[in-house]
Protein backbone atom coordinates (compact mmCIF):
# COMPACT_ATOMS: atom_id res chain seq x y z
CA UNK A 1 36.30 15.70 -8.28
CA UNK A 2 34.03 16.76 -11.15
CA UNK A 3 34.65 19.78 -13.37
CA UNK A 4 32.45 21.35 -16.01
CA UNK A 5 33.83 22.07 -19.47
CA UNK A 6 34.22 25.83 -19.87
CA UNK A 7 31.30 28.18 -19.43
CA UNK A 8 29.48 27.40 -22.68
CA UNK A 9 25.76 26.67 -22.52
CA UNK A 10 24.99 23.55 -24.54
CA UNK A 11 21.45 22.52 -25.50
CA UNK A 12 20.50 19.94 -22.86
CA UNK A 13 24.05 18.58 -22.77
CA UNK A 14 26.50 18.96 -19.94
CA UNK A 15 30.13 17.88 -19.65
CA UNK A 16 31.90 16.76 -16.48
CA UNK A 17 35.66 16.31 -16.29
CA UNK A 18 37.49 14.18 -13.75
CA UNK A 19 41.18 15.06 -14.18
CA UNK A 20 42.25 12.50 -11.58
CA UNK A 21 40.60 9.81 -13.74
CA UNK A 22 41.72 11.43 -17.02
CA UNK A 23 38.11 11.23 -18.24
CA UNK A 24 35.37 13.52 -19.46
CA UNK A 25 31.72 12.49 -19.46
CA UNK A 26 29.26 13.98 -21.93
CA UNK A 27 25.77 13.76 -20.46
CA UNK A 28 22.62 14.05 -22.57
CA UNK A 29 20.56 15.91 -20.00
CA UNK A 30 16.85 15.99 -20.79
CA UNK A 31 15.46 13.10 -18.72
CA UNK A 32 11.89 14.43 -18.71
CA UNK A 33 11.91 13.97 -22.52
CA UNK A 34 13.88 10.71 -22.57
CA UNK A 35 17.00 12.76 -23.40
CA UNK A 36 15.77 13.61 -26.89
CA UNK A 37 18.26 15.60 -28.97
CA UNK A 38 17.41 18.80 -30.78
CA UNK A 39 18.84 19.63 -34.19
CA UNK A 40 21.27 22.16 -32.69
CA UNK A 41 22.37 19.71 -29.98
CA UNK A 42 23.99 17.56 -32.66
CA UNK A 43 26.28 20.41 -33.67
CA UNK A 44 26.95 21.12 -29.99
CA UNK A 45 28.01 17.49 -29.59
CA UNK A 46 30.52 17.95 -32.38
CA UNK A 47 31.85 21.15 -30.79
CA UNK A 48 32.24 19.41 -27.42
CA UNK A 49 34.28 16.63 -28.99
CA UNK A 50 36.48 19.16 -30.77
CA UNK A 51 37.31 20.72 -27.39
CA UNK A 52 37.89 17.43 -25.61
CA UNK A 53 40.08 16.13 -28.44
CA UNK A 54 42.55 18.94 -27.67
CA UNK A 55 42.40 18.56 -23.88
CA UNK A 56 45.55 16.87 -22.56
CA UNK A 57 43.83 16.18 -19.23
CA UNK A 58 41.37 13.84 -20.96
CA UNK A 59 42.40 10.43 -22.25
CA UNK A 60 39.03 8.65 -22.34
CA UNK A 61 35.61 10.12 -23.21
CA UNK A 62 32.30 8.69 -21.97
CA UNK A 63 28.89 9.62 -23.32
CA UNK A 64 25.74 8.75 -21.39
CA UNK A 65 22.13 9.78 -20.82
CA UNK A 66 20.79 11.33 -17.63
CA UNK A 67 18.60 9.01 -15.55
CA UNK A 68 18.06 5.29 -16.07
CA UNK A 69 15.18 5.25 -18.58
CA UNK A 70 17.05 6.18 -21.74
CA UNK A 71 20.38 6.93 -23.33
CA UNK A 72 18.26 8.94 -25.72
CA UNK A 73 14.99 8.04 -27.38
CA UNK A 74 16.05 9.92 -30.52
CA UNK A 75 15.69 13.34 -32.08
CA UNK A 76 13.04 16.03 -31.90
CA UNK A 77 10.90 14.81 -34.80
CA UNK A 78 8.96 18.03 -35.35
CA UNK A 79 12.12 19.99 -36.07
CA UNK A 80 12.86 18.02 -39.21
CA UNK A 81 9.86 19.55 -40.98
CA UNK A 82 11.48 22.96 -40.43
CA UNK A 83 14.84 22.06 -41.99
CA UNK A 84 15.83 22.05 -45.63
CA UNK A 85 16.81 18.85 -47.45
CA UNK A 86 20.39 20.14 -47.67
CA UNK A 87 20.60 20.62 -43.90
CA UNK A 88 19.26 17.15 -43.24
CA UNK A 89 21.65 15.51 -45.70
CA UNK A 90 24.72 16.39 -43.60
CA UNK A 91 23.47 15.36 -40.16
CA UNK A 92 25.80 12.36 -40.19
CA UNK A 93 28.85 14.62 -39.98
CA UNK A 94 28.09 15.84 -36.45
CA UNK A 95 26.94 12.42 -35.25
CA UNK A 96 30.27 10.93 -36.38
CA UNK A 97 32.19 13.09 -33.88
CA UNK A 98 32.98 10.14 -31.54
CA UNK A 99 34.42 8.19 -34.47
CA UNK A 100 36.64 11.11 -35.50
CA UNK A 101 37.95 11.62 -31.98
CA UNK A 102 41.52 10.35 -31.58
CA UNK A 103 40.65 9.21 -28.05
CA UNK A 104 38.74 6.10 -26.97
CA UNK A 105 35.03 6.85 -26.63
CA UNK A 106 32.66 4.72 -24.53
CA UNK A 107 28.88 4.86 -24.93
CA UNK A 108 27.18 4.03 -21.62
CA UNK A 109 23.72 2.79 -22.56
CA UNK A 110 20.50 2.02 -20.74
CA UNK A 111 16.83 1.92 -21.63
CA UNK A 112 15.71 3.47 -24.90
CA UNK A 113 18.57 3.89 -27.38
CA UNK A 114 16.64 4.87 -30.48
CA UNK A 115 17.23 6.77 -33.68
CA UNK A 116 20.05 9.27 -33.44
CA UNK A 117 20.86 7.86 -29.99
CA UNK A 118 21.79 4.53 -31.52
CA UNK A 119 23.61 6.30 -34.36
CA UNK A 120 25.77 8.18 -31.86
CA UNK A 121 26.46 4.98 -29.93
CA UNK A 122 27.48 3.15 -33.10
CA UNK A 123 30.01 5.91 -33.81
CA UNK A 124 31.67 5.22 -30.44
CA UNK A 125 34.46 2.69 -29.95
CA UNK A 126 32.76 0.76 -27.16
CA UNK A 127 29.12 0.29 -26.21
CA UNK A 128 28.64 -0.84 -22.61
CA UNK A 129 24.96 -1.44 -21.95
CA UNK A 130 22.68 -2.38 -19.10
CA UNK A 131 20.34 -5.32 -19.58
CA UNK A 132 17.46 -2.80 -19.83
CA UNK A 133 18.77 -1.43 -23.13
CA UNK A 134 16.61 -1.50 -26.25
CA UNK A 135 18.12 -0.56 -29.62
CA UNK A 136 16.02 0.64 -32.55
CA UNK A 137 16.08 2.66 -35.75
CA UNK A 138 12.32 3.22 -36.06
CA UNK A 139 12.39 5.93 -38.76
CA UNK A 140 10.50 3.78 -41.26
CA UNK A 141 7.38 4.23 -39.13
CA UNK A 142 7.53 7.93 -39.99
CA UNK A 143 7.94 7.36 -43.71
CA UNK A 144 11.66 8.08 -43.35
CA UNK A 145 14.97 6.22 -43.07
CA UNK A 146 17.87 6.67 -40.63
CA UNK A 147 20.00 9.58 -41.82
CA UNK A 148 22.94 9.91 -39.43
CA UNK A 149 24.89 6.77 -40.19
CA UNK A 150 22.53 4.13 -38.85
CA UNK A 151 22.03 2.13 -42.04
CA UNK A 152 25.74 2.00 -42.78
CA UNK A 153 27.12 1.22 -39.33
CA UNK A 154 24.57 -1.45 -38.42
CA UNK A 155 25.28 -3.21 -41.72
CA UNK A 156 29.05 -3.01 -41.25
CA UNK A 157 29.01 -4.14 -37.64
CA UNK A 158 26.20 -6.73 -37.66
CA UNK A 159 25.98 -7.65 -41.34
CA UNK A 160 23.59 -6.73 -44.13
CA UNK A 161 21.00 -9.41 -43.32
CA UNK A 162 20.65 -8.33 -39.72
CA UNK A 163 20.58 -4.66 -40.72
CA UNK A 164 17.63 -5.34 -43.03
CA UNK A 165 15.89 -7.42 -40.36
CA UNK A 166 16.27 -4.64 -37.83
CA UNK A 167 15.78 -1.47 -39.87
CA UNK A 168 13.34 -2.57 -42.56
CA UNK A 169 11.03 -3.94 -39.85
CA UNK A 170 11.68 -1.08 -37.38
CA UNK A 171 12.44 -3.75 -34.79
CA UNK A 172 13.41 -3.08 -31.20
CA UNK A 173 16.46 -5.20 -30.40
CA UNK A 174 16.95 -6.13 -26.71
CA UNK A 175 20.41 -6.00 -25.19
CA UNK A 176 21.05 -9.75 -25.23
CA UNK A 177 20.26 -10.05 -28.94
CA UNK A 178 22.21 -6.89 -29.77
CA UNK A 179 25.25 -8.33 -27.99
CA UNK A 180 25.00 -11.52 -30.05
CA UNK A 181 24.94 -9.38 -33.18
CA UNK A 182 28.09 -7.53 -32.14
CA UNK A 183 26.29 -4.20 -31.70
CA UNK A 184 27.20 -4.10 -27.99
CA UNK A 185 30.61 -4.60 -26.37
CA UNK A 186 29.31 -5.68 -22.98
CA UNK A 187 25.95 -6.17 -21.26
CA UNK A 188 25.65 -5.86 -17.50
CA UNK A 189 22.88 -5.52 -14.88
CA UNK A 190 21.69 -1.94 -14.52
CA UNK A 191 23.13 -1.54 -11.02
CA UNK A 192 26.57 -2.61 -12.26
CA UNK A 193 26.66 -0.42 -15.37
CA UNK A 194 28.70 2.45 -13.95
CA UNK A 195 31.26 0.07 -12.45
CA UNK A 196 31.58 -1.78 -15.76
CA UNK A 197 32.28 1.46 -17.62
CA UNK A 198 34.87 2.55 -15.06
CA UNK A 199 36.53 -0.86 -15.24
CA UNK A 200 36.90 -0.39 -19.00
CA UNK A 201 38.35 3.08 -18.39
CA UNK A 202 40.93 1.55 -16.04
CA UNK A 203 41.86 -0.96 -18.71
CA UNK A 204 42.28 1.68 -21.41
CA UNK A 205 44.39 3.93 -19.17
CA UNK A 206 46.94 1.12 -18.82
CA UNK A 207 47.92 1.48 -22.49
CA UNK A 208 50.03 4.02 -24.32
CA UNK A 209 47.74 6.88 -25.39
CA UNK A 210 49.82 7.31 -28.54
CA UNK A 211 49.48 3.64 -29.47
CA UNK A 212 45.71 3.76 -28.78
CA UNK A 213 45.27 6.85 -30.98
CA UNK A 214 47.25 5.24 -33.77
CA UNK A 215 45.36 1.95 -33.48
CA UNK A 216 41.99 3.70 -33.68
CA UNK A 217 43.08 5.52 -36.84
CA UNK A 218 44.32 2.29 -38.42
CA UNK A 219 41.14 0.36 -37.62
CA UNK A 220 38.84 3.13 -38.85
CA UNK A 221 40.84 3.73 -42.03
CA UNK A 222 40.83 0.03 -42.87
CA UNK A 223 37.04 0.11 -43.26
CA UNK A 224 37.25 2.50 -46.20
CA UNK A 225 39.25 0.39 -48.65
CA UNK A 226 40.53 -3.03 -49.68
CA UNK A 227 42.65 -5.33 -47.51
CA UNK A 228 45.82 -4.34 -49.36
CA UNK A 229 45.34 -0.68 -48.41
CA UNK A 230 44.61 -1.60 -44.81
CA UNK A 231 47.80 -3.62 -44.62
CA UNK A 232 49.81 -0.70 -45.98
CA UNK A 233 48.32 1.67 -43.40
CA UNK A 234 48.94 -0.82 -40.59
CA UNK A 235 52.54 -1.32 -41.70
CA UNK A 236 53.36 2.39 -41.77
CA UNK A 237 51.75 2.90 -38.35
CA UNK A 238 53.65 -0.08 -36.92
CA UNK A 239 56.93 1.32 -38.21
CA UNK A 240 56.19 4.79 -36.83
CA UNK A 241 55.48 3.45 -33.34
CA UNK A 242 58.81 1.60 -33.39
CA UNK A 243 60.57 4.95 -32.89
CA UNK A 244 58.47 6.19 -29.95
CA UNK A 245 59.45 6.52 -26.29
CA UNK A 246 56.35 4.55 -25.31
CA UNK A 247 57.48 1.52 -27.32
CA UNK A 248 60.92 1.63 -25.72
CA UNK A 249 59.30 1.94 -22.29
CA UNK A 250 56.94 -0.96 -23.02
CA UNK A 251 59.78 -3.25 -24.08
CA UNK A 252 61.94 -2.28 -21.11
CA UNK A 253 59.02 -2.82 -18.70
CA UNK A 254 58.34 -6.23 -20.26
CA UNK A 255 61.89 -7.43 -19.73
CA UNK A 256 62.11 -5.81 -16.29
CA UNK A 257 58.81 -7.43 -15.25
CA UNK A 258 57.32 -4.13 -14.11
CA UNK A 259 54.34 -1.98 -15.01
CA UNK A 260 55.12 0.44 -17.88
CA UNK A 261 54.88 4.19 -17.42
CA UNK A 262 53.62 5.45 -20.76
CA UNK A 263 53.87 9.19 -21.50
CA UNK A 264 52.23 9.35 -24.93
CA UNK A 265 55.46 10.23 -26.72
């Protein structure tokens, strides 16, 4: 059963909830324009995540593009000439909404995944892609650079050398190469993409939602400082989880040789 999120009208974005699967899917819905995103749609994306983050019926969030030609080919280029430098300098805050979410976020990719589309995908926890996927940050061709996290996340995930190779040449990176670089979690044939994403959802739902939330926070926080700080954060989180019901349930299930029933407490 699919449910829509509230009655709010988003700009070429729709949200479908499946409570029985504990998932919500954010769909970039402008297939006739390769799912291009307007300036306002980026703030709508942030607002949608803020709602889903508080929704106890949702444990995993998926973001995808309508149709099979594109996740999104990028932003509406003409709009940027209408915005002030100050407005453009904070675009990365809305695009980082998947990274801020305490819940696992899966980007389901196919076809063109360019510009802000790739930047959104890089802010997700997992990127499951069809073999038709092409990744690119082509802003240099417009006399511009990526401005919503692309330079930073490609370099951190794939390494500085590959980031320069990709972005400074405005290269289109096919799925197989992107997987080798670590930019993609999984590559699958197009007709198996949906099943691959749902299989990952099944896997994530097996775990304690509290432990997953905590782990995501620890991993993200560790990127902002030295190893010593990361170890401190990990240690405190490990100690906190020791006192939870889910940890007790996990240990008891292990010794009882049964499947654990995690409650997120």
